[in-house]
Amino acid sequence: MRTIMLGLALVGIASPALAISTQVSTQISCSAIHALIQRDRAVILRYTSKSPPGLPIYDRAVADPVVCFGSGTGKRDYFPASDTNSCAVWVCAPGSDLRP
């Protein structure tokens, strides 16, 4: 029992290191967004919507569609960055139970 408790404690200590990072996409360049995604394999990107104003928008950007395996399919999405209004990234879209 002590071994199990010790193991759980060690996993709990290591968990924060596995946390996904969050970035405000409009504060960094598109190339910096791509570099973060490639380094971390997945990043939460967020920005504030212009329509409706003030609405926070966010999604999990991934390095490639393979990262989505088991949790959906990869699709292209676009986020505003500091140097462009449409920085293309991969995100995971929910999968469908209806397959041909």
PDB file of N, CA and C in Angstrom:
ATOM      1  N   MET A   1       0.825  -1.194   0.000  1.00  0.00           N
ATOM      2  CA  MET A   1       0.000   0.000   0.000  1.00  0.00           C
ATOM      3  C   MET A   1       0.872   1.261   0.000  1.00  0.00           C
ATOM      4  N   ARG A   2       1.942   1.238   0.769  1.00  0.00           N
ATOM      5  CA  ARG A   2       2.835   2.398   0.814  1.00  0.00           C
ATOM      6  C   ARG A   2       3.486   2.637  -0.548  1.00  0.00           C
ATOM      7  N   THR A   3       3.810   1.547  -1.244  1.00  0.00           N
ATOM      8  CA  THR A   3       4.424   1.670  -2.566  1.00  0.00           C
ATOM      9  C   THR A   3       3.469   2.360  -3.541  1.00  0.00           C
ATOM     10  N   ILE A   4       2.198   2.001  -3.485  1.00  0.00           N
ATOM     11  CA  ILE A   4       1.196   2.614  -4.356  1.00  0.00           C
ATOM     12  C   ILE A   4       1.057   4.097  -4.038  1.00  0.00           C
ATOM     13  N   MET A   5       0.988   4.428  -2.769  1.00  0.00           N
ATOM     14  CA  MET A   5       0.848   5.832  -2.356  1.00  0.00           C
ATOM     15  C   MET A   5       2.068   6.648  -2.777  1.00  0.00           C
ATOM     16  N   LEU A   6       3.251   6.079  -2.635  1.00  0.00           N
ATOM     17  CA  LEU A   6       4.476   6.759  -3.042  1.00  0.00           C
ATOM     18  C   LEU A   6       4.484   6.980  -4.548  1.00  0.00           C
ATOM     19  N   GLY A   7       4.067   5.972  -5.291  1.00  0.00           N
ATOM     20  CA  GLY A   7       3.990   6.095  -6.748  1.00  0.00           C
ATOM     21  C   GLY A   7       3.022   7.178  -7.173  1.00  0.00           C
ATOM     22  N   LEU A   8       1.858   7.239  -6.543  1.00  0.00           N
ATOM     23  CA  LEU A   8       0.877   8.286  -6.863  1.00  0.00           C
ATOM     24  C   LEU A   8       1.401   9.672  -6.519  1.00  0.00           C
ATOM     25  N   ALA A   9       2.120   9.777  -5.420  1.00  0.00           N
ATOM     26  CA  ALA A   9       2.701  11.062  -5.031  1.00  0.00           C
ATOM     27  C   ALA A   9       3.730  11.523  -6.061  1.00  0.00           C
ATOM     28  N   LEU A  10       4.555  10.607  -6.544  1.00  0.00           N
ATOM     29  CA  LEU A  10       5.561  10.966  -7.546  1.00  0.00           C
ATOM     30  C   LEU A  10       4.918  11.381  -8.859  1.00  0.00           C
ATOM     31  N   VAL A  11       3.851  10.710  -9.255  1.00  0.00           N
ATOM     32  CA  VAL A  11       3.135  11.093 -10.471  1.00  0.00           C
ATOM     33  C   VAL A  11       2.528  12.479 -10.291  1.00  0.00           C
ATOM     34  N   GLY A  12       1.986  12.753  -9.126  1.00  0.00           N
ATOM     35  CA  GLY A  12       1.402  14.068  -8.848  1.00  0.00           C
ATOM     36  C   GLY A  12       2.429  15.186  -8.914  1.00  0.00           C
ATOM     37  N   ILE A  13       3.641  14.917  -8.487  1.00  0.00           N
ATOM     38  CA  ILE A  13       4.709  15.917  -8.538  1.00  0.00           C
ATOM     39  C   ILE A  13       5.135  16.163  -9.983  1.00  0.00           C
ATOM     40  N   ALA A  14       5.172  15.119 -10.784  1.00  0.00           N
ATOM     41  CA  ALA A  14       5.619  15.242 -12.172  1.00  0.00           C
ATOM     42  C   ALA A  14       4.549  15.829 -13.086  1.00  0.00           C
ATOM     43  N   SER A  15       3.284  15.784 -12.708  1.00  0.00           N
ATOM     44  CA  SER A  15       2.188  16.222 -13.577  1.00  0.00           C
ATOM     45  C   SER A  15       2.303  17.659 -14.085  1.00  0.00           C
ATOM     46  N   PRO A  16       2.666  18.638 -13.261  1.00  0.00           N
ATOM     47  CA  PRO A  16       2.750  19.994 -13.786  1.00  0.00           C
ATOM     48  C   PRO A  16       3.737  20.134 -14.935  1.00  0.00           C
ATOM     49  N   ALA A  17       4.747  19.304 -14.982  1.00  0.00           N
ATOM     50  CA  ALA A  17       5.718  19.376 -16.072  1.00  0.00           C
ATOM     51  C   ALA A  17       5.096  18.961 -17.397  1.00  0.00           C
ATOM     52  N   LEU A  18       4.014  18.203 -17.342  1.00  0.00           N
ATOM     53  CA  LEU A  18       3.352  17.735 -18.546  1.00  0.00           C
ATOM     54  C   LEU A  18       2.227  18.666 -18.997  1.00  0.00           C
ATOM     55  N   ALA A  19       2.026  19.760 -18.297  1.00  0.00           N
ATOM     56  CA  ALA A  19       0.934  20.682 -18.624  1.00  0.00           C
ATOM     57  C   ALA A  19       1.170  21.336 -19.983  1.00  0.00           C
ATOM     58  N   ILE A  20       0.077  21.552 -20.696  1.00  0.00           N
ATOM     59  CA  ILE A  20       0.154  22.184 -22.017  1.00  0.00           C
ATOM     60  C   ILE A  20       0.245  23.693 -21.829  1.00  0.00           C
ATOM     61  N   SER A  21       1.082  24.352 -22.626  1.00  0.00           N
ATOM     62  CA  SER A  21       1.251  25.797 -22.473  1.00  0.00           C
ATOM     63  C   SER A  21       0.131  26.544 -23.203  1.00  0.00           C
ATOM     64  N   THR A  22      -0.170  27.742 -22.726  1.00  0.00           N
ATOM     65  CA  THR A  22      -1.177  28.606 -23.329  1.00  0.00           C
ATOM     66  C   THR A  22      -0.508  29.884 -23.794  1.00  0.00           C
ATOM     67  N   GLN A  23      -0.799  30.294 -25.022  1.00  0.00           N
ATOM     68  CA  GLN A  23      -0.210  31.504 -25.599  1.00  0.00           C
ATOM     69  C   GLN A  23      -1.306  32.384 -26.176  1.00  0.00           C
ATOM     70  N   VAL A  24      -1.174  33.688 -26.034  1.00  0.00           N
ATOM     71  CA  VAL A  24      -2.064  34.629 -26.704  1.00  0.00           C
ATOM     72  C   VAL A  24      -1.494  34.808 -28.104  1.00  0.00           C
ATOM     73  N   SER A  25      -2.236  34.359 -29.107  1.00  0.00           N
ATOM     74  CA  SER A  25      -1.698  34.315 -30.467  1.00  0.00           C
ATOM     75  C   SER A  25      -1.367  35.694 -31.025  1.00  0.00           C
ATOM     76  N   THR A  26      -2.097  36.718 -30.606  1.00  0.00           N
ATOM     77  CA  THR A  26      -1.868  38.066 -31.142  1.00  0.00           C
ATOM     78  C   THR A  26      -0.639  38.750 -30.555  1.00  0.00           C
ATOM     79  N   GLN A  27      -0.014  38.128 -29.582  1.00  0.00           N
ATOM     80  CA  GLN A  27       1.174  38.718 -28.973  1.00  0.00           C
ATOM     81  C   GLN A  27       2.475  38.166 -29.534  1.00  0.00           C
ATOM     82  N   ILE A  28       2.399  37.149 -30.415  1.00  0.00           N
ATOM     83  CA  ILE A  28       3.603  36.574 -31.002  1.00  0.00           C
ATOM     84  C   ILE A  28       3.406  36.388 -32.507  1.00  0.00           C
ATOM     85  N   SER A  29       4.506  36.281 -33.229  1.00  0.00           N
ATOM     86  CA  SER A  29       4.445  36.145 -34.684  1.00  0.00           C
ATOM     87  C   SER A  29       3.983  34.742 -35.093  1.00  0.00           C
ATOM     88  N   CYS A  30       3.567  34.617 -36.324  1.00  0.00           N
ATOM     89  CA  CYS A  30       3.134  33.333 -36.862  1.00  0.00           C
ATOM     90  C   CYS A  30       4.282  32.318 -36.818  1.00  0.00           C
ATOM     91  N   SER A  31       5.478  32.741 -37.179  1.00  0.00           N
ATOM     92  CA  SER A  31       6.616  31.812 -37.140  1.00  0.00           C
ATOM     93  C   SER A  31       6.921  31.376 -35.708  1.00  0.00           C
ATOM     94  N   ALA A  32       6.731  32.254 -34.735  1.00  0.00           N
ATOM     95  CA  ALA A  32       6.932  31.880 -33.332  1.00  0.00           C
ATOM     96  C   ALA A  32       5.857  30.893 -32.878  1.00  0.00           C
ATOM     97  N   ILE A  33       4.625  31.063 -33.357  1.00  0.00           N
ATOM     98  CA  ILE A  33       3.555  30.112 -33.046  1.00  0.00           C
ATOM     99  C   ILE A  33       3.933  28.735 -33.584  1.00  0.00           C
ATOM    100  N   HIS A  34       4.386  28.677 -34.843  1.00  0.00           N
ATOM    101  CA  HIS A  34       4.784  27.396 -35.443  1.00  0.00           C
ATOM    102  C   HIS A  34       5.938  26.763 -34.673  1.00  0.00           C
ATOM    103  N   ALA A  35       6.900  27.567 -34.237  1.00  0.00           N
ATOM    104  CA  ALA A  35       8.040  27.046 -33.479  1.00  0.00           C
ATOM    105  C   ALA A  35       7.578  26.460 -32.139  1.00  0.00           C
ATOM    106  N   LEU A  36       6.663  27.131 -31.446  1.00  0.00           N
ATOM    107  CA  LEU A  36       6.135  26.622 -30.175  1.00  0.00           C
ATOM    108  C   LEU A  36       5.408  25.300 -30.371  1.00  0.00           C
ATOM    109  N   ILE A  37       4.593  25.235 -31.421  1.00  0.00           N
ATOM    110  CA  ILE A  37       3.832  24.016 -31.689  1.00  0.00           C
ATOM    111  C   ILE A  37       4.770  22.857 -32.003  1.00  0.00           C
ATOM    112  N   GLN A  38       5.789  23.090 -32.812  1.00  0.00           N
ATOM    113  CA  GLN A  38       6.734  22.029 -33.141  1.00  0.00           C
ATOM    114  C   GLN A  38       7.522  21.582 -31.915  1.00  0.00           C
ATOM    115  N   ARG A  39       7.886  22.524 -31.058  1.00  0.00           N
ATOM    116  CA  ARG A  39       8.667  22.180 -29.861  1.00  0.00           C
ATOM    117  C   ARG A  39       7.841  21.390 -28.851  1.00  0.00           C
ATOM    118  N   ASP A  40       6.601  21.857 -28.598  1.00  0.00           N
ATOM    119  CA  ASP A  40       5.768  21.253 -27.548  1.00  0.00           C
ATOM    120  C   ASP A  40       4.792  20.202 -28.070  1.00  0.00           C
ATOM    121  N   ARG A  41       4.637  20.093 -29.396  1.00  0.00           N
ATOM    122  CA  ARG A  41       3.710  19.173 -30.068  1.00  0.00           C
ATOM    123  C   ARG A  41       2.255  19.608 -29.945  1.00  0.00           C
ATOM    124  N   ALA A  42       1.906  20.417 -28.929  1.00  0.00           N
ATOM    125  CA  ALA A  42       0.548  20.943 -28.774  1.00  0.00           C
ATOM    126  C   ALA A  42       0.595  22.183 -27.888  1.00  0.00           C
ATOM    127  N   VAL A  43      -0.188  23.197 -28.270  1.00  0.00           N
ATOM    128  CA  VAL A  43      -0.231  24.468 -27.538  1.00  0.00           C
ATOM    129  C   VAL A  43      -1.672  24.976 -27.572  1.00  0.00           C
ATOM    130  N   ILE A  44      -2.134  25.541 -26.465  1.00  0.00           N
ATOM    131  CA  ILE A  44      -3.435  26.206 -26.461  1.00  0.00           C
ATOM    132  C   ILE A  44      -3.206  27.629 -26.967  1.00  0.00           C
ATOM    133  N   LEU A  45      -3.886  27.993 -28.058  1.00  0.00           N
ATOM    134  CA  LEU A  45      -3.811  29.353 -28.589  1.00  0.00           C
ATOM    135  C   LEU A  45      -5.118  30.062 -28.266  1.00  0.00           C
ATOM    136  N   ARG A  46      -5.005  31.315 -27.832  1.00  0.00           N
ATOM    137  CA  ARG A  46      -6.216  32.083 -27.545  1.00  0.00           C
ATOM    138  C   ARG A  46      -6.057  33.512 -28.032  1.00  0.00           C
ATOM    139  N   TYR A  47      -7.188  34.150 -28.278  1.00  0.00           N
ATOM    140  CA  TYR A  47      -7.240  35.551 -28.654  1.00  0.00           C
ATOM    141  C   TYR A  47      -8.630  36.069 -28.332  1.00  0.00           C
ATOM    142  N   THR A  48      -8.818  37.376 -28.387  1.00  0.00           N
ATOM    143  CA  THR A  48     -10.104  37.985 -28.098  1.00  0.00           C
ATOM    144  C   THR A  48     -10.818  38.303 -29.405  1.00  0.00           C
ATOM    145  N   SER A  49     -12.051  37.851 -29.506  1.00  0.00           N
ATOM    146  CA  SER A  49     -12.848  38.037 -30.716  1.00  0.00           C
ATOM    147  C   SER A  49     -13.192  39.510 -30.935  1.00  0.00           C
ATOM    148  N   LYS A  50     -13.267  39.888 -32.212  1.00  0.00           N
ATOM    149  CA  LYS A  50     -13.717  41.237 -32.553  1.00  0.00           C
ATOM    150  C   LYS A  50     -15.223  41.261 -32.760  1.00  0.00           C
ATOM    151  N   SER A  51     -15.815  40.109 -33.082  1.00  0.00           N
ATOM    152  CA  SER A  51     -17.257  40.029 -33.294  1.00  0.00           C
ATOM    153  C   SER A  51     -17.759  38.696 -32.771  1.00  0.00           C
ATOM    154  N   PRO A  52     -18.459  38.639 -31.653  1.00  0.00           N
ATOM    155  CA  PRO A  52     -18.784  39.722 -30.747  1.00  0.00           C
ATOM    156  C   PRO A  52     -17.555  40.167 -29.958  1.00  0.00           C
ATOM    157  N   PRO A  53     -17.470  41.453 -29.661  1.00  0.00           N
ATOM    158  CA  PRO A  53     -16.289  41.993 -28.988  1.00  0.00           C
ATOM    159  C   PRO A  53     -16.067  41.390 -27.592  1.00  0.00           C
ATOM    160  N   GLY A  54     -14.805  41.099 -27.308  1.00  0.00           N
ATOM    161  CA  GLY A  54     -14.433  40.640 -25.975  1.00  0.00           C
ATOM    162  C   GLY A  54     -14.600  39.154 -25.711  1.00  0.00           C
ATOM    163  N   LEU A  55     -15.155  38.397 -26.658  1.00  0.00           N
ATOM    164  CA  LEU A  55     -15.354  36.972 -26.460  1.00  0.00           C
ATOM    165  C   LEU A  55     -14.016  36.243 -26.590  1.00  0.00           C
ATOM    166  N   PRO A  56     -13.609  35.491 -25.563  1.00  0.00           N
ATOM    167  CA  PRO A  56     -12.340  34.764 -25.675  1.00  0.00           C
ATOM    168  C   PRO A  56     -12.501  33.542 -26.589  1.00  0.00           C
ATOM    169  N   ILE A  57     -11.588  33.399 -27.541  1.00  0.00           N
ATOM    170  CA  ILE A  57     -11.575  32.275 -28.464  1.00  0.00           C
ATOM    171  C   ILE A  57     -10.289  31.491 -28.203  1.00  0.00           C
ATOM    172  N   TYR A  58     -10.394  30.171 -28.143  1.00  0.00           N
ATOM    173  CA  TYR A  58      -9.189  29.366 -27.944  1.00  0.00           C
ATOM    174  C   TYR A  58      -9.378  27.993 -28.562  1.00  0.00           C
ATOM    175  N   ASP A  59      -8.257  27.357 -28.857  1.00  0.00           N
ATOM    176  CA  ASP A  59      -8.252  25.993 -29.372  1.00  0.00           C
ATOM    177  C   ASP A  59      -6.875  25.393 -29.154  1.00  0.00           C
ATOM    178  N   ARG A  60      -6.799  24.100 -29.256  1.00  0.00           N
ATOM    179  CA  ARG A  60      -5.538  23.377 -29.083  1.00  0.00           C
ATOM    180  C   ARG A  60      -4.910  23.169 -30.452  1.00  0.00           C
ATOM    181  N   ALA A  61      -3.802  23.835 -30.694  1.00  0.00           N
ATOM    182  CA  ALA A  61      -3.063  23.684 -31.946  1.00  0.00           C
ATOM    183  C   ALA A  61      -2.063  22.559 -31.774  1.00  0.00           C
ATOM    184  N   VAL A  62      -1.952  21.707 -32.804  1.00  0.00           N
ATOM    185  CA  VAL A  62      -1.075  20.536 -32.720  1.00  0.00           C
ATOM    186  C   VAL A  62      -0.058  20.543 -33.858  1.00  0.00           C
ATOM    187  N   ALA A  63       1.008  19.778 -33.685  1.00  0.00           N
ATOM    188  CA  ALA A  63       2.102  19.753 -34.651  1.00  0.00           C
ATOM    189  C   ALA A  63       1.689  19.157 -35.992  1.00  0.00           C
ATOM    190  N   ASP A  64       0.848  18.124 -35.962  1.00  0.00           N
ATOM    191  CA  ASP A  64       0.360  17.515 -37.196  1.00  0.00           C
ATOM    192  C   ASP A  64      -0.885  16.691 -36.867  1.00  0.00           C
ATOM    193  N   PRO A  65      -1.665  16.300 -37.875  1.00  0.00           N
ATOM    194  CA  PRO A  65      -2.917  15.589 -37.625  1.00  0.00           C
ATOM    195  C   PRO A  65      -2.752  14.265 -36.882  1.00  0.00           C
ATOM    196  N   VAL A  66      -1.579  13.657 -36.931  1.00  0.00           N
ATOM    197  CA  VAL A  66      -1.349  12.385 -36.253  1.00  0.00           C
ATOM    198  C   VAL A  66      -1.540  12.540 -34.739  1.00  0.00           C
ATOM    199  N   VAL A  67      -1.265  13.719 -34.206  1.00  0.00           N
ATOM    200  CA  VAL A  67      -1.423  13.976 -32.773  1.00  0.00           C
ATOM    201  C   VAL A  67      -2.885  13.807 -32.367  1.00  0.00           C
ATOM    202  N   CYS A  68      -3.813  13.985 -33.297  1.00  0.00           N
ATOM    203  CA  CYS A  68      -5.247  13.893 -33.011  1.00  0.00           C
ATOM    204  C   CYS A  68      -5.758  12.464 -32.958  1.00  0.00           C
ATOM    205  N   PHE A  69      -4.946  11.491 -33.336  1.00  0.00           N
ATOM    206  CA  PHE A  69      -5.385  10.097 -33.402  1.00  0.00           C
ATOM    207  C   PHE A  69      -6.041   9.680 -32.094  1.00  0.00           C
ATOM    208  N   GLY A  70      -7.254   9.174 -32.179  1.00  0.00           N
ATOM    209  CA  GLY A  70      -7.980   8.726 -30.997  1.00  0.00           C
ATOM    210  C   GLY A  70      -8.861   9.797 -30.382  1.00  0.00           C
ATOM    211  N   SER A  71      -8.618  11.071 -30.707  1.00  0.00           N
ATOM    212  CA  SER A  71      -9.438  12.141 -30.138  1.00  0.00           C
ATOM    213  C   SER A  71     -10.090  12.986 -31.222  1.00  0.00           C
ATOM    214  N   GLY A  72     -10.076  12.519 -32.448  1.00  0.00           N
ATOM    215  CA  GLY A  72     -10.681  13.266 -33.541  1.00  0.00           C
ATOM    216  C   GLY A  72      -9.791  13.252 -34.764  1.00  0.00           C
ATOM    217  N   THR A  73     -10.042  14.189 -35.646  1.00  0.00           N
ATOM    218  CA  THR A  73      -9.254  14.298 -36.870  1.00  0.00           C
ATOM    219  C   THR A  73      -8.623  15.682 -36.948  1.00  0.00           C
ATOM    220  N   GLY A  74      -7.521  15.774 -37.659  1.00  0.00           N
ATOM    221  CA  GLY A  74      -6.846  17.056 -37.809  1.00  0.00           C
ATOM    222  C   GLY A  74      -7.500  17.892 -38.891  1.00  0.00           C
ATOM    223  N   LYS A  75      -7.602  19.187 -38.657  1.00  0.00           N
ATOM    224  CA  LYS A  75      -8.092  20.106 -39.676  1.00  0.00           C
ATOM    225  C   LYS A  75      -7.312  21.403 -39.564  1.00  0.00           C
ATOM    226  N   ARG A  76      -7.252  22.157 -40.657  1.00  0.00           N
ATOM    227  CA  ARG A  76      -6.561  23.445 -40.655  1.00  0.00           C
ATOM    228  C   ARG A  76      -7.477  24.504 -40.059  1.00  0.00           C
ATOM    229  N   ASP A  77      -6.889  25.375 -39.251  1.00  0.00           N
ATOM    230  CA  ASP A  77      -7.607  26.519 -38.701  1.00  0.00           C
ATOM    231  C   ASP A  77      -6.659  27.704 -38.758  1.00  0.00           C
ATOM    232  N   TYR A  78      -7.197  28.888 -38.586  1.00  0.00           N
ATOM    233  CA  TYR A  78      -6.407  30.106 -38.725  1.00  0.00           C
ATOM    234  C   TYR A  78      -6.591  30.984 -37.497  1.00  0.00           C
ATOM    235  N   PHE A  79      -5.465  31.447 -36.966  1.00  0.00           N
ATOM    236  CA  PHE A  79      -5.456  32.320 -35.798  1.00  0.00           C
ATOM    237  C   PHE A  79      -4.788  33.633 -36.147  1.00  0.00           C
ATOM    238  N   PRO A  80      -5.245  34.743 -35.550  1.00  0.00           N
ATOM    239  CA  PRO A  80      -4.523  35.998 -35.749  1.00  0.00           C
ATOM    240  C   PRO A  80      -3.209  35.951 -34.973  1.00  0.00           C
ATOM    241  N   ALA A  81      -2.166  36.481 -35.579  1.00  0.00           N
ATOM    242  CA  ALA A  81      -0.857  36.586 -34.927  1.00  0.00           C
ATOM    243  C   ALA A  81      -0.458  38.056 -34.942  1.00  0.00           C
ATOM    244  N   SER A  82       0.673  38.374 -34.351  1.00  0.00           N
ATOM    245  CA  SER A  82       1.097  39.778 -34.309  1.00  0.00           C
ATOM    246  C   SER A  82       1.457  40.306 -35.690  1.00  0.00           C
ATOM    247  N   ASP A  83       1.819  39.408 -36.616  1.00  0.00           N
ATOM    248  CA  ASP A  83       2.256  39.848 -37.945  1.00  0.00           C
ATOM    249  C   ASP A  83       1.297  39.480 -39.081  1.00  0.00           C
ATOM    250  N   THR A  84       0.207  38.775 -38.781  1.00  0.00           N
ATOM    251  CA  THR A  84      -0.770  38.402 -39.809  1.00  0.00           C
ATOM    252  C   THR A  84      -2.124  38.119 -39.160  1.00  0.00           C
ATOM    253  N   ASN A  85      -3.180  38.227 -39.947  1.00  0.00           N
ATOM    254  CA  ASN A  85      -4.520  37.929 -39.428  1.00  0.00           C
ATOM    255  C   ASN A  85      -4.908  36.465 -39.609  1.00  0.00           C
ATOM    256  N   SER A  86      -4.081  35.696 -40.319  1.00  0.00           N
ATOM    257  CA  SER A  86      -4.451  34.303 -40.574  1.00  0.00           C
ATOM    258  C   SER A  86      -3.221  33.394 -40.575  1.00  0.00           C
ATOM    259  N   CYS A  87      -2.833  32.972 -39.402  1.00  0.00           N
ATOM    260  CA  CYS A  87      -1.717  32.038 -39.238  1.00  0.00           C
ATOM    261  C   CYS A  87      -2.305  30.621 -39.241  1.00  0.00           C
ATOM    262  N   ALA A  88      -1.961  29.821 -40.248  1.00  0.00           N
ATOM    263  CA  ALA A  88      -2.516  28.476 -40.402  1.00  0.00           C
ATOM    264  C   ALA A  88      -1.864  27.492 -39.437  1.00  0.00           C
ATOM    265  N   VAL A  89      -2.689  26.760 -38.706  1.00  0.00           N
ATOM    266  CA  VAL A  89      -2.213  25.737 -37.776  1.00  0.00           C
ATOM    267  C   VAL A  89      -3.132  24.519 -37.870  1.00  0.00           C
ATOM    268  N   TRP A  90      -2.681  23.380 -37.371  1.00  0.00           N
ATOM    269  CA  TRP A  90      -3.513  22.188 -37.259  1.00  0.00           C
ATOM    270  C   TRP A  90      -4.210  22.205 -35.909  1.00  0.00           C
ATOM    271  N   VAL A  91      -5.497  21.871 -35.887  1.00  0.00           N
ATOM    272  CA  VAL A  91      -6.256  21.680 -34.655  1.00  0.00           C
ATOM    273  C   VAL A  91      -6.968  20.334 -34.753  1.00  0.00           C
ATOM    274  N   CYS A  92      -7.408  19.807 -33.627  1.00  0.00           N
ATOM    275  CA  CYS A  92      -8.143  18.540 -33.626  1.00  0.00           C
ATOM    276  C   CYS A  92      -9.635  18.828 -33.637  1.00  0.00           C
ATOM    277  N   ALA A  93     -10.329  18.286 -34.619  1.00  0.00           N
ATOM    278  CA  ALA A  93     -11.776  18.395 -34.714  1.00  0.00           C
ATOM    279  C   ALA A  93     -12.377  17.096 -34.193  1.00  0.00           C
ATOM    280  N   PRO A  94     -13.521  17.178 -33.516  1.00  0.00           N
ATOM    281  CA  PRO A  94     -14.141  15.955 -33.013  1.00  0.00           C
ATOM    282  C   PRO A  94     -14.394  14.959 -34.135  1.00  0.00           C
ATOM    283  N   GLY A  95     -14.143  13.704 -33.865  1.00  0.00           N
ATOM    284  CA  GLY A  95     -14.401  12.660 -34.857  1.00  0.00           C
ATOM    285  C   GLY A  95     -15.881  12.350 -34.934  1.00  0.00           C
ATOM    286  N   SER A  96     -16.264  11.630 -35.941  1.00  0.00           N
ATOM    287  CA  SER A  96     -17.657  11.244 -36.127  1.00  0.00           C
ATOM    288  C   SER A  96     -17.801   9.745 -35.907  1.00  0.00           C
ATOM    289  N   ASP A  97     -18.934   9.343 -35.354  1.00  0.00           N
ATOM    290  CA  ASP A  97     -19.216   7.927 -35.205  1.00  0.00           C
ATOM    291  C   ASP A  97     -19.743   7.322 -36.507  1.00  0.00           C
ATOM    292  N   LEU A  98     -20.131   8.184 -37.426  1.00  0.00           N
ATOM    293  CA  LEU A  98     -20.670   7.735 -38.708  1.00  0.00           C
ATOM    294  C   LEU A  98     -19.575   7.709 -39.742  1.00  0.00           C
ATOM    295  N   ARG A  99     -19.025   6.549 -39.979  1.00  0.00           N
ATOM    296  CA  ARG A  99     -17.942   6.410 -40.953  1.00  0.00           C
ATOM    297  C   ARG A  99     -18.440   5.642 -42.148  1.00  0.00           C
ATOM    298  N   PRO A 100     -18.045   6.063 -43.349  1.00  0.00           N
ATOM    299  CA  PRO A 100     -18.516   5.351 -44.551  1.00  0.00           C
ATOM    300  C   PRO A 100     -17.926   3.962 -44.660  1.00  0.00           C
TER     301      PRO A 100
END
